[in-house]
Amino acid sequence: TVHQDFAAIGSGLVRVLLHRLAPSGDPSDADDMAGDDATHAE
């Protein structure tokens, strides 16, 4: 069968939404979110 990664899709949807919610121009917050994205991507 073709494996559809539902977990990656679901978590990806939330992370995209959180990036839209994050205030722009906030370096410390962006650093925390980027680190979290790297963990999730792995």
Full PDB file with SEQRES, HELIX, SHEET, SSBOND, CRYST1, ORIGX, SCALE, CONECT and MASTER records, all heavy atoms in Angstrom:
SEQRES   1 A   42  THR VAL HIS GLN ASP PHE ALA ALA ILE GLY SER GLY LEU          
SEQRES   2 A   42  VAL ARG VAL LEU LEU HIS ARG LEU ALA PRO SER GLY ASP          
SEQRES   3 A   42  PRO SER ASP ALA ASP ASP MET ALA GLY ASP ASP ALA THR          
SEQRES   4 A   42  HIS ALA GLU                                                  
HELIX    1 AA1 PHE A    6  LEU A   21  1                                  16    
HELIX    2 AA2 PRO A   27  ALA A   41  1                                  15    
CRYST1    1.000    1.000    1.000  90.00  90.00  90.00 P 1           1          
ORIGX1      1.000000  0.000000  0.000000        0.00000                         
ORIGX2      0.000000  1.000000  0.000000        0.00000                         
ORIGX3      0.000000  0.000000  1.000000        0.00000                         
SCALE1      1.000000  0.000000  0.000000        0.00000                         
SCALE2      0.000000  1.000000  0.000000        0.00000                         
SCALE3      0.000000  0.000000  1.000000        0.00000                         
ATOM      1  N   THR A   1       0.824  -1.202   0.000  1.00  0.00           N  
ATOM      2  CA  THR A   1       0.000   0.000   0.000  1.00  0.00           C  
ATOM      3  C   THR A   1       0.859   1.254   0.000  1.00  0.00           C  
ATOM      4  O   THR A   1       2.066   1.193   0.273  1.00  0.00           O  
ATOM      5  CB  THR A   1      -0.946   0.007   1.216  1.00  0.00           C  
ATOM      6  OG1 THR A   1      -1.884   1.084   1.107  1.00  0.00           O  
ATOM      7  CG2 THR A   1      -0.169   0.177   2.510  1.00  0.00           C  
ATOM      8  N   VAL A   2       0.237   2.367  -0.306  1.00  0.00           N  
ATOM      9  CA  VAL A   2       0.903   3.669  -0.248  1.00  0.00           C  
ATOM     10  C   VAL A   2       0.715   4.238   1.155  1.00  0.00           C  
ATOM     11  O   VAL A   2      -0.418   4.401   1.615  1.00  0.00           O  
ATOM     12  CB  VAL A   2       0.320   4.641  -1.295  1.00  0.00           C  
ATOM     13  CG1 VAL A   2       0.973   6.023  -1.147  1.00  0.00           C  
ATOM     14  CG2 VAL A   2       0.528   4.095  -2.707  1.00  0.00           C  
ATOM     15  N   HIS A   3       1.811   4.490   1.825  1.00  0.00           N  
ATOM     16  CA  HIS A   3       1.761   5.017   3.195  1.00  0.00           C  
ATOM     17  C   HIS A   3       1.515   6.520   3.157  1.00  0.00           C  
ATOM     18  O   HIS A   3       2.309   7.276   2.600  1.00  0.00           O  
ATOM     19  CB  HIS A   3       3.067   4.724   3.921  1.00  0.00           C  
ATOM     20  CG  HIS A   3       3.104   5.280   5.316  1.00  0.00           C  
ATOM     21  ND1 HIS A   3       2.490   4.650   6.375  1.00  0.00           N  
ATOM     22  CD2 HIS A   3       3.668   6.408   5.815  1.00  0.00           C  
ATOM     23  CE1 HIS A   3       2.678   5.368   7.478  1.00  0.00           C  
ATOM     24  NE2 HIS A   3       3.388   6.443   7.158  1.00  0.00           N  
ATOM     25  N   GLN A   4       0.401   6.931   3.748  1.00  0.00           N  
ATOM     26  CA  GLN A   4       0.080   8.346   3.871  1.00  0.00           C  
ATOM     27  C   GLN A   4       0.379   8.761   5.320  1.00  0.00           C  
ATOM     28  O   GLN A   4      -0.214   8.221   6.259  1.00  0.00           O  
ATOM     29  CB  GLN A   4      -1.403   8.596   3.531  1.00  0.00           C  
ATOM     30  CG  GLN A   4      -1.739  10.065   3.437  1.00  0.00           C  
ATOM     31  CD  GLN A   4      -3.127  10.325   2.872  1.00  0.00           C  
ATOM     32  OE1 GLN A   4      -3.511  11.462   2.720  1.00  0.00           O  
ATOM     33  NE2 GLN A   4      -3.886   9.291   2.559  1.00  0.00           N  
ATOM     34  N   ASP A   5       1.287   9.704   5.507  1.00  0.00           N  
ATOM     35  CA  ASP A   5       1.759  10.065   6.844  1.00  0.00           C  
ATOM     36  C   ASP A   5       0.790  11.047   7.491  1.00  0.00           C  
ATOM     37  O   ASP A   5       0.990  12.259   7.477  1.00  0.00           O  
ATOM     38  CB  ASP A   5       3.164  10.665   6.763  1.00  0.00           C  
ATOM     39  CG  ASP A   5       3.857  10.687   8.117  1.00  0.00           C  
ATOM     40  OD1 ASP A   5       3.148  10.612   9.133  1.00  0.00           O  
ATOM     41  OD2 ASP A   5       5.097  10.771   8.151  1.00  0.00           O  
ATOM     42  N   PHE A   6      -0.280  10.500   8.074  1.00  0.00           N  
ATOM     43  CA  PHE A   6      -1.312  11.344   8.681  1.00  0.00           C  
ATOM     44  C   PHE A   6      -0.764  12.164   9.849  1.00  0.00           C  
ATOM     45  O   PHE A   6      -1.176  13.307  10.052  1.00  0.00           O  
ATOM     46  CB  PHE A   6      -2.478  10.482   9.154  1.00  0.00           C  
ATOM     47  CG  PHE A   6      -3.168   9.729   8.059  1.00  0.00           C  
ATOM     48  CD1 PHE A   6      -3.101   8.345   7.985  1.00  0.00           C  
ATOM     49  CD2 PHE A   6      -3.886  10.406   7.086  1.00  0.00           C  
ATOM     50  CE1 PHE A   6      -3.736   7.648   6.970  1.00  0.00           C  
ATOM     51  CE2 PHE A   6      -4.522   9.712   6.063  1.00  0.00           C  
ATOM     52  CZ  PHE A   6      -4.450   8.333   6.009  1.00  0.00           C  
ATOM     53  N   ALA A   7       0.154  11.586  10.611  1.00  0.00           N  
ATOM     54  CA  ALA A   7       0.720  12.318  11.741  1.00  0.00           C  
ATOM     55  C   ALA A   7       1.481  13.547  11.267  1.00  0.00           C  
ATOM     56  O   ALA A   7       1.371  14.635  11.855  1.00  0.00           O  
ATOM     57  CB  ALA A   7       1.636  11.398  12.551  1.00  0.00           C  
ATOM     58  N   ALA A   8       2.266  13.396  10.203  1.00  0.00           N  
ATOM     59  CA  ALA A   8       3.021  14.531   9.676  1.00  0.00           C  
ATOM     60  C   ALA A   8       2.086  15.590   9.094  1.00  0.00           C  
ATOM     61  O   ALA A   8       2.336  16.794   9.226  1.00  0.00           O  
ATOM     62  CB  ALA A   8       4.006  14.059   8.610  1.00  0.00           C  
ATOM     63  N   ILE A   9       1.003  15.155   8.455  1.00  0.00           N  
ATOM     64  CA  ILE A   9       0.049  16.120   7.904  1.00  0.00           C  
ATOM     65  C   ILE A   9      -0.622  16.898   9.028  1.00  0.00           C  
ATOM     66  O   ILE A   9      -0.703  18.138   8.999  1.00  0.00           O  
ATOM     67  CB  ILE A   9      -1.005  15.402   7.039  1.00  0.00           C  
ATOM     68  CG1 ILE A   9      -0.359  14.792   5.792  1.00  0.00           C  
ATOM     69  CG2 ILE A   9      -2.127  16.368   6.625  1.00  0.00           C  
ATOM     70  CD1 ILE A   9      -1.259  13.859   5.018  1.00  0.00           C  
ATOM     71  N   GLY A  10      -1.112  16.179  10.054  1.00  0.00           N  
ATOM     72  CA  GLY A  10      -1.797  16.847  11.158  1.00  0.00           C  
ATOM     73  C   GLY A  10      -0.904  17.806  11.905  1.00  0.00           C  
ATOM     74  O   GLY A  10      -1.276  18.950  12.181  1.00  0.00           O  
ATOM     75  N   SER A  11       0.320  17.347  12.249  1.00  0.00           N  
ATOM     76  CA  SER A  11       1.230  18.234  12.969  1.00  0.00           C  
ATOM     77  C   SER A  11       1.681  19.384  12.087  1.00  0.00           C  
ATOM     78  O   SER A  11       1.846  20.523  12.551  1.00  0.00           O  
ATOM     79  CB  SER A  11       2.434  17.456  13.493  1.00  0.00           C  
ATOM     80  OG  SER A  11       3.162  16.873  12.435  1.00  0.00           O  
ATOM     81  N   GLY A  12       1.843  19.128  10.787  1.00  0.00           N  
ATOM     82  CA  GLY A  12       2.218  20.196   9.862  1.00  0.00           C  
ATOM     83  C   GLY A  12       1.155  21.273   9.763  1.00  0.00           C  
ATOM     84  O   GLY A  12       1.462  22.465   9.696  1.00  0.00           O  
ATOM     85  N   LEU A  13      -0.109  20.868   9.755  1.00  0.00           N  
ATOM     86  CA  LEU A  13      -1.208  21.841   9.712  1.00  0.00           C  
ATOM     87  C   LEU A  13      -1.158  22.771  10.925  1.00  0.00           C  
ATOM     88  O   LEU A  13      -1.304  23.990  10.797  1.00  0.00           O  
ATOM     89  CB  LEU A  13      -2.551  21.104   9.682  1.00  0.00           C  
ATOM     90  CG  LEU A  13      -2.921  20.445   8.356  1.00  0.00           C  
ATOM     91  CD1 LEU A  13      -4.020  19.405   8.566  1.00  0.00           C  
ATOM     92  CD2 LEU A  13      -3.353  21.485   7.336  1.00  0.00           C  
ATOM     93  N   VAL A  14      -0.937  22.200  12.103  1.00  0.00           N  
ATOM     94  CA  VAL A  14      -0.889  23.020  13.313  1.00  0.00           C  
ATOM     95  C   VAL A  14       0.318  23.945  13.289  1.00  0.00           C  
ATOM     96  O   VAL A  14       0.223  25.131  13.629  1.00  0.00           O  
ATOM     97  CB  VAL A  14      -0.868  22.137  14.573  1.00  0.00           C  
ATOM     98  CG1 VAL A  14      -0.669  22.992  15.827  1.00  0.00           C  
ATOM     99  CG2 VAL A  14      -2.156  21.341  14.682  1.00  0.00           C  
ATOM    100  N   ARG A  15       1.464  23.444  12.839  1.00  0.00           N  
ATOM    101  CA  ARG A  15       2.662  24.283  12.841  1.00  0.00           C  
ATOM    102  C   ARG A  15       2.536  25.432  11.849  1.00  0.00           C  
ATOM    103  O   ARG A  15       2.993  26.545  12.120  1.00  0.00           O  
ATOM    104  CB  ARG A  15       3.897  23.435  12.551  1.00  0.00           C  
ATOM    105  CG  ARG A  15       4.177  22.400  13.644  1.00  0.00           C  
ATOM    106  CD  ARG A  15       5.608  21.939  13.639  1.00  0.00           C  
ATOM    107  NE  ARG A  15       6.040  21.425  12.356  1.00  0.00           N  
ATOM    108  CZ  ARG A  15       5.814  20.195  11.938  1.00  0.00           C  
ATOM    109  NH1 ARG A  15       5.119  19.357  12.668  1.00  0.00           N  
ATOM    110  NH2 ARG A  15       6.276  19.800  10.770  1.00  0.00           N  
ATOM    111  N   VAL A  16       1.919  25.183  10.694  1.00  0.00           N  
ATOM    112  CA  VAL A  16       1.687  26.278   9.741  1.00  0.00           C  
ATOM    113  C   VAL A  16       0.759  27.323  10.367  1.00  0.00           C  
ATOM    114  O   VAL A  16       0.989  28.531  10.256  1.00  0.00           O  
ATOM    115  CB  VAL A  16       1.093  25.740   8.426  1.00  0.00           C  
ATOM    116  CG1 VAL A  16       0.604  26.886   7.547  1.00  0.00           C  
ATOM    117  CG2 VAL A  16       2.132  24.916   7.674  1.00  0.00           C  
ATOM    118  N   LEU A  17      -0.281  26.849  11.043  1.00  0.00           N  
ATOM    119  CA  LEU A  17      -1.213  27.777  11.689  1.00  0.00           C  
ATOM    120  C   LEU A  17      -0.506  28.587  12.779  1.00  0.00           C  
ATOM    121  O   LEU A  17      -0.709  29.803  12.899  1.00  0.00           O  
ATOM    122  CB  LEU A  17      -2.386  27.002  12.280  1.00  0.00           C  
ATOM    123  CG  LEU A  17      -3.510  27.842  12.907  1.00  0.00           C  
ATOM    124  CD1 LEU A  17      -4.135  28.771  11.879  1.00  0.00           C  
ATOM    125  CD2 LEU A  17      -4.573  26.937  13.510  1.00  0.00           C  
ATOM    126  N   LEU A  18       0.345  27.944  13.564  1.00  0.00           N  
ATOM    127  CA  LEU A  18       1.044  28.654  14.632  1.00  0.00           C  
ATOM    128  C   LEU A  18       1.994  29.705  14.081  1.00  0.00           C  
ATOM    129  O   LEU A  18       2.164  30.773  14.680  1.00  0.00           O  
ATOM    130  CB  LEU A  18       1.814  27.660  15.504  1.00  0.00           C  
ATOM    131  CG  LEU A  18       0.959  26.714  16.353  1.00  0.00           C  
ATOM    132  CD1 LEU A  18       1.840  25.767  17.144  1.00  0.00           C  
ATOM    133  CD2 LEU A  18       0.043  27.489  17.280  1.00  0.00           C  
ATOM    134  N   HIS A  19       2.602  29.436  12.938  1.00  0.00           N  
ATOM    135  CA  HIS A  19       3.449  30.445  12.315  1.00  0.00           C  
ATOM    136  C   HIS A  19       2.622  31.654  11.874  1.00  0.00           C  
ATOM    137  O   HIS A  19       3.103  32.785  11.901  1.00  0.00           O  
ATOM    138  CB  HIS A  19       4.208  29.854  11.128  1.00  0.00           C  
ATOM    139  CG  HIS A  19       5.503  29.200  11.515  1.00  0.00           C  
ATOM    140  ND1 HIS A  19       6.691  29.889  11.595  1.00  0.00           N  
ATOM    141  CD2 HIS A  19       5.793  27.938  11.880  1.00  0.00           C  
ATOM    142  CE1 HIS A  19       7.652  29.058  11.972  1.00  0.00           C  
ATOM    143  NE2 HIS A  19       7.120  27.869  12.148  1.00  0.00           N  
ATOM    144  N   ARG A  20       1.392  31.420  11.472  1.00  0.00           N  
ATOM    145  CA  ARG A  20       0.527  32.541  11.109  1.00  0.00           C  
ATOM    146  C   ARG A  20       0.107  33.329  12.344  1.00  0.00           C  
ATOM    147  O   ARG A  20      -0.145  34.522  12.266  1.00  0.00           O  
ATOM    148  CB  ARG A  20      -0.718  32.026  10.379  1.00  0.00           C  
ATOM    149  CG  ARG A  20      -0.428  31.319   9.065  1.00  0.00           C  
ATOM    150  CD  ARG A  20      -1.696  31.192   8.233  1.00  0.00           C  
ATOM    151  NE  ARG A  20      -2.142  32.509   7.799  1.00  0.00           N  
ATOM    152  CZ  ARG A  20      -3.374  32.761   7.354  1.00  0.00           C  
ATOM    153  NH1 ARG A  20      -4.266  31.794   7.330  1.00  0.00           N  
ATOM    154  NH2 ARG A  20      -3.706  33.964   6.962  1.00  0.00           N  
ATOM    155  N   LEU A  21       0.009  32.647  13.475  1.00  0.00           N  
ATOM    156  CA  LEU A  21      -0.398  33.314  14.711  1.00  0.00           C  
ATOM    157  C   LEU A  21       0.755  34.033  15.399  1.00  0.00           C  
ATOM    158  O   LEU A  21       0.525  34.966  16.170  1.00  0.00           O  
ATOM    159  CB  LEU A  21      -0.975  32.284  15.690  1.00  0.00           C  
ATOM    160  CG  LEU A  21      -2.255  31.572  15.261  1.00  0.00           C  
ATOM    161  CD1 LEU A  21      -2.634  30.513  16.285  1.00  0.00           C  
ATOM    162  CD2 LEU A  21      -3.391  32.572  15.091  1.00  0.00           C  
ATOM    163  N   ALA A  22       2.002  33.600  15.139  1.00  0.00           N  
ATOM    164  CA  ALA A  22       3.151  34.179  15.836  1.00  0.00           C  
ATOM    165  C   ALA A  22       3.326  35.623  15.430  1.00  0.00           C  
ATOM    166  O   ALA A  22       3.186  35.983  14.257  1.00  0.00           O  
ATOM    167  CB  ALA A  22       4.411  33.382  15.507  1.00  0.00           C  
ATOM    168  N   PRO A  23       3.620  36.522  16.395  1.00  0.00           N  
ATOM    169  CA  PRO A  23       3.851  37.927  16.062  1.00  0.00           C  
ATOM    170  C   PRO A  23       5.084  38.065  15.193  1.00  0.00           C  
ATOM    171  O   PRO A  23       6.081  37.383  15.404  1.00  0.00           O  
ATOM    172  CB  PRO A  23       4.054  38.584  17.426  1.00  0.00           C  
ATOM    173  CG  PRO A  23       4.477  37.475  18.328  1.00  0.00           C  
ATOM    174  CD  PRO A  23       3.778  36.241  17.823  1.00  0.00           C  
ATOM    175  N   SER A  24       5.030  38.953  14.198  1.00  0.00           N  
ATOM    176  CA  SER A  24       6.161  39.148  13.296  1.00  0.00           C  
ATOM    177  C   SER A  24       7.220  40.009  13.973  1.00  0.00           C  
ATOM    178  O   SER A  24       6.941  40.801  14.860  1.00  0.00           O  
ATOM    179  CB  SER A  24       5.695  39.829  12.001  1.00  0.00           C  
ATOM    180  OG  SER A  24       5.082  41.073  12.293  1.00  0.00           O  
ATOM    181  N   GLY A  25       8.430  39.817  13.505  1.00  0.00           N  
ATOM    182  CA  GLY A  25       9.513  40.641  13.999  1.00  0.00           C  
ATOM    183  C   GLY A  25       9.909  40.348  15.425  1.00  0.00           C  
ATOM    184  O   GLY A  25      10.434  41.223  16.115  1.00  0.00           O  
ATOM    185  N   ASP A  26       9.693  39.172  15.924  1.00  0.00           N  
ATOM    186  CA  ASP A  26      10.021  38.814  17.307  1.00  0.00           C  
ATOM    187  C   ASP A  26      11.103  37.751  17.287  1.00  0.00           C  
ATOM    188  O   ASP A  26      10.812  36.561  17.188  1.00  0.00           O  
ATOM    189  CB  ASP A  26       8.771  38.293  18.016  1.00  0.00           C  
ATOM    190  CG  ASP A  26       8.971  38.192  19.514  1.00  0.00           C  
ATOM    191  OD1 ASP A  26      10.108  37.901  19.931  1.00  0.00           O  
ATOM    192  OD2 ASP A  26       7.993  38.412  20.257  1.00  0.00           O  
ATOM    193  N   PRO A  27      12.388  38.112  17.289  1.00  0.00           N  
ATOM    194  CA  PRO A  27      13.472  37.154  17.077  1.00  0.00           C  
ATOM    195  C   PRO A  27      13.481  36.018  18.083  1.00  0.00           C  
ATOM    196  O   PRO A  27      13.672  34.862  17.712  1.00  0.00           O  
ATOM    197  CB  PRO A  27      14.740  38.012  17.210  1.00  0.00           C  
ATOM    198  CG  PRO A  27      14.289  39.422  16.987  1.00  0.00           C  
ATOM    199  CD  PRO A  27      12.877  39.480  17.508  1.00  0.00           C  
ATOM    200  N   SER A  28      13.242  36.308  19.362  1.00  0.00           N  
ATOM    201  CA  SER A  28      13.329  35.233  20.356  1.00  0.00           C  
ATOM    202  C   SER A  28      12.240  34.216  20.147  1.00  0.00           C  
ATOM    203  O   SER A  28      12.458  33.009  20.274  1.00  0.00           O  
ATOM    204  CB  SER A  28      13.240  35.818  21.771  1.00  0.00           C  
ATOM    205  OG  SER A  28      11.994  36.475  21.958  1.00  0.00           O  
ATOM    206  N   ASP A  29      11.038  34.676  19.805  1.00  0.00           N  
ATOM    207  CA  ASP A  29       9.945  33.736  19.572  1.00  0.00           C  
ATOM    208  C   ASP A  29      10.199  32.925  18.308  1.00  0.00           C  
ATOM    209  O   ASP A  29       9.943  31.736  18.254  1.00  0.00           O  
ATOM    210  CB  ASP A  29       8.624  34.487  19.456  1.00  0.00           C  
ATOM    211  CG  ASP A  29       7.453  33.549  19.346  1.00  0.00           C  
ATOM    212  OD1 ASP A  29       7.192  32.831  20.326  1.00  0.00           O  
ATOM    213  OD2 ASP A  29       6.815  33.532  18.290  1.00  0.00           O  
ATOM    214  N   ALA A  30      10.719  33.589  17.282  1.00  0.00           N  
ATOM    215  CA  ALA A  30      11.006  32.885  16.027  1.00  0.00           C  
ATOM    216  C   ALA A  30      12.042  31.795  16.254  1.00  0.00           C  
ATOM    217  O   ALA A  30      11.955  30.704  15.701  1.00  0.00           O  
ATOM    218  CB  ALA A  30      11.502  33.875  14.973  1.00  0.00           C  
ATOM    219  N   ASP A  31      13.051  32.076  17.121  1.00  0.00           N  
ATOM    220  CA  ASP A  31      14.063  31.070  17.397  1.00  0.00           C  
ATOM    221  C   ASP A  31      13.453  29.848  18.059  1.00  0.00           C  
ATOM    222  O   ASP A  31      13.763  28.713  17.714  1.00  0.00           O  
ATOM    223  CB  ASP A  31      15.145  31.648  18.316  1.00  0.00           C  
ATOM    224  CG  ASP A  31      16.051  32.616  17.572  1.00  0.00           C  
ATOM    225  OD1 ASP A  31      16.013  32.588  16.328  1.00  0.00           O  
ATOM    226  OD2 ASP A  31      16.766  33.386  18.232  1.00  0.00           O  
ATOM    227  N   ASP A  32      12.555  30.064  19.045  1.00  0.00           N  
ATOM    228  CA  ASP A  32      11.926  28.936  19.723  1.00  0.00           C  
ATOM    229  C   ASP A  32      11.105  28.107  18.751  1.00  0.00           C  
ATOM    230  O   ASP A  32      11.134  26.885  18.772  1.00  0.00           O  
ATOM    231  CB  ASP A  32      11.022  29.429  20.858  1.00  0.00           C  
ATOM    232  CG  ASP A  32      11.833  29.727  22.124  1.00  0.00           C  
ATOM    233  OD1 ASP A  32      12.936  29.169  22.263  1.00  0.00           O  
ATOM    234  OD2 ASP A  32      11.345  30.516  22.944  1.00  0.00           O  
ATOM    235  N   MET A  33      10.327  28.758  17.874  1.00  0.00           N  
ATOM    236  CA  MET A  33       9.480  28.032  16.928  1.00  0.00           C  
ATOM    237  C   MET A  33      10.323  27.278  15.924  1.00  0.00           C  
ATOM    238  O   MET A  33      10.007  26.163  15.537  1.00  0.00           O  
ATOM    239  CB  MET A  33       8.542  29.011  16.207  1.00  0.00           C  
ATOM    240  CG  MET A  33       7.457  29.587  17.105  1.00  0.00           C  
ATOM    241  SD  MET A  33       6.407  28.297  17.803  1.00  0.00           S  
ATOM    242  CE  MET A  33       5.616  27.716  16.314  1.00  0.00           C  
ATOM    243  N   ALA A  34      11.444  27.895  15.481  1.00  0.00           N  
ATOM    244  CA  ALA A  34      12.299  27.218  14.509  1.00  0.00           C  
ATOM    245  C   ALA A  34      12.899  25.967  15.111  1.00  0.00           C  
ATOM    246  O   ALA A  34      12.961  24.914  14.472  1.00  0.00           O  
ATOM    247  CB  ALA A  34      13.407  28.159  14.040  1.00  0.00           C  
ATOM    248  N   GLY A  35      13.335  26.042  16.366  1.00  0.00           N  
ATOM    249  CA  GLY A  35      13.882  24.866  17.022  1.00  0.00           C  
ATOM    250  C   GLY A  35      12.855  23.781  17.148  1.00  0.00           C  
ATOM    251  O   GLY A  35      13.134  22.603  16.956  1.00  0.00           O  
ATOM    252  N   ASP A  36      11.604  24.166  17.458  1.00  0.00           N  
ATOM    253  CA  ASP A  36      10.537  23.180  17.584  1.00  0.00           C  
ATOM    254  C   ASP A  36      10.228  22.540  16.245  1.00  0.00           C  
ATOM    255  O   ASP A  36      10.010  21.346  16.149  1.00  0.00           O  
ATOM    256  CB  ASP A  36       9.284  23.865  18.138  1.00  0.00           C  
ATOM    257  CG  ASP A  36       8.155  22.874  18.355  1.00  0.00           C  
ATOM    258  OD1 ASP A  36       8.361  21.906  19.082  1.00  0.00           O  
ATOM    259  OD2 ASP A  36       7.082  23.103  17.779  1.00  0.00           O  
ATOM    260  N   ASP A  37      10.236  23.346  15.153  1.00  0.00           N  
ATOM    261  CA  ASP A  37       9.977  22.785  13.838  1.00  0.00           C  
ATOM    262  C   ASP A  37      11.026  21.763  13.459  1.00  0.00           C  
ATOM    263  O   ASP A  37      10.727  20.740  12.865  1.00  0.00           O  
ATOM    264  CB  ASP A  37       9.975  23.904  12.785  1.00  0.00           C  
ATOM    265  CG  ASP A  37       8.601  24.513  12.614  1.00  0.00           C  
ATOM    266  OD1 ASP A  37       7.629  23.845  13.004  1.00  0.00           O  
ATOM    267  OD2 ASP A  37       8.512  25.633  12.115  1.00  0.00           O  
ATOM    268  N   ALA A  38      12.301  22.042  13.801  1.00  0.00           N  
ATOM    269  CA  ALA A  38      13.360  21.105  13.462  1.00  0.00           C  
ATOM    270  C   ALA A  38      13.137  19.778  14.175  1.00  0.00           C  
ATOM    271  O   ALA A  38      13.323  18.707  13.592  1.00  0.00           O  
ATOM    272  CB  ALA A  38      14.714  21.693  13.856  1.00  0.00           C  
ATOM    273  N   THR A  39      12.704  19.842  15.432  1.00  0.00           N  
ATOM    274  CA  THR A  39      12.427  18.619  16.184  1.00  0.00           C  
ATOM    275  C   THR A  39      11.305  17.833  15.533  1.00  0.00           C  
ATOM    276  O   THR A  39      11.396  16.625  15.339  1.00  0.00           O  
ATOM    277  CB  THR A  39      12.034  18.965  17.629  1.00  0.00           C  
ATOM    278  OG1 THR A  39      13.128  19.645  18.233  1.00  0.00           O  
ATOM    279  CG2 THR A  39      11.738  17.702  18.421  1.00  0.00           C  
ATOM    280  N   HIS A  40      10.219  18.532  15.173  1.00  0.00           N  
ATOM    281  CA  HIS A  40       9.088  17.848  14.551  1.00  0.00           C  
ATOM    282  C   HIS A  40       9.466  17.280  13.197  1.00  0.00           C  
ATOM    283  O   HIS A  40       9.036  16.190  12.825  1.00  0.00           O  
ATOM    284  CB  HIS A  40       7.914  18.812  14.401  1.00  0.00           C  
ATOM    285  CG  HIS A  40       7.096  18.952  15.642  1.00  0.00           C  
ATOM    286  ND1 HIS A  40       6.234  17.977  16.070  1.00  0.00           N  
ATOM    287  CD2 HIS A  40       7.032  19.951  16.565  1.00  0.00           C  
ATOM    288  CE1 HIS A  40       5.645  18.358  17.192  1.00  0.00           C  
ATOM    289  NE2 HIS A  40       6.121  19.548  17.514  1.00  0.00           N  
ATOM    290  N   ALA A  41      10.241  18.026  12.406  1.00  0.00           N  
ATOM    291  CA  ALA A  41      10.612  17.551  11.076  1.00  0.00           C  
ATOM    292  C   ALA A  41      11.408  16.262  11.177  1.00  0.00           C  
ATOM    293  O   ALA A  41      11.209  15.333  10.402  1.00  0.00           O  
ATOM    294  CB  ALA A  41      11.429  18.621  10.341  1.00  0.00           C  
ATOM    295  N   GLU A  42      12.307  16.192  12.160  1.00  0.00           N  
ATOM    296  CA  GLU A  42      13.080  14.961  12.349  1.00  0.00           C  
ATOM    297  C   GLU A  42      12.172  13.827  12.783  1.00  0.00           C  
ATOM    298  O   GLU A  42      12.258  12.718  12.277  1.00  0.00           O  
ATOM    299  CB  GLU A  42      14.161  15.206  13.399  1.00  0.00           C  
ATOM    300  CG  GLU A  42      15.049  13.989  13.639  1.00  0.00           C  
ATOM    301  CD  GLU A  42      16.134  14.266  14.647  1.00  0.00           C  
ATOM    302  OE1 GLU A  42      16.272  15.427  15.074  1.00  0.00           O  
ATOM    303  OE2 GLU A  42      16.826  13.315  15.033  1.00  0.00           O  
TER     304      GLU A  42                                                      
MASTER        0    0    0    2    0    0    0    6  303    1    0    4          
END                                                                             
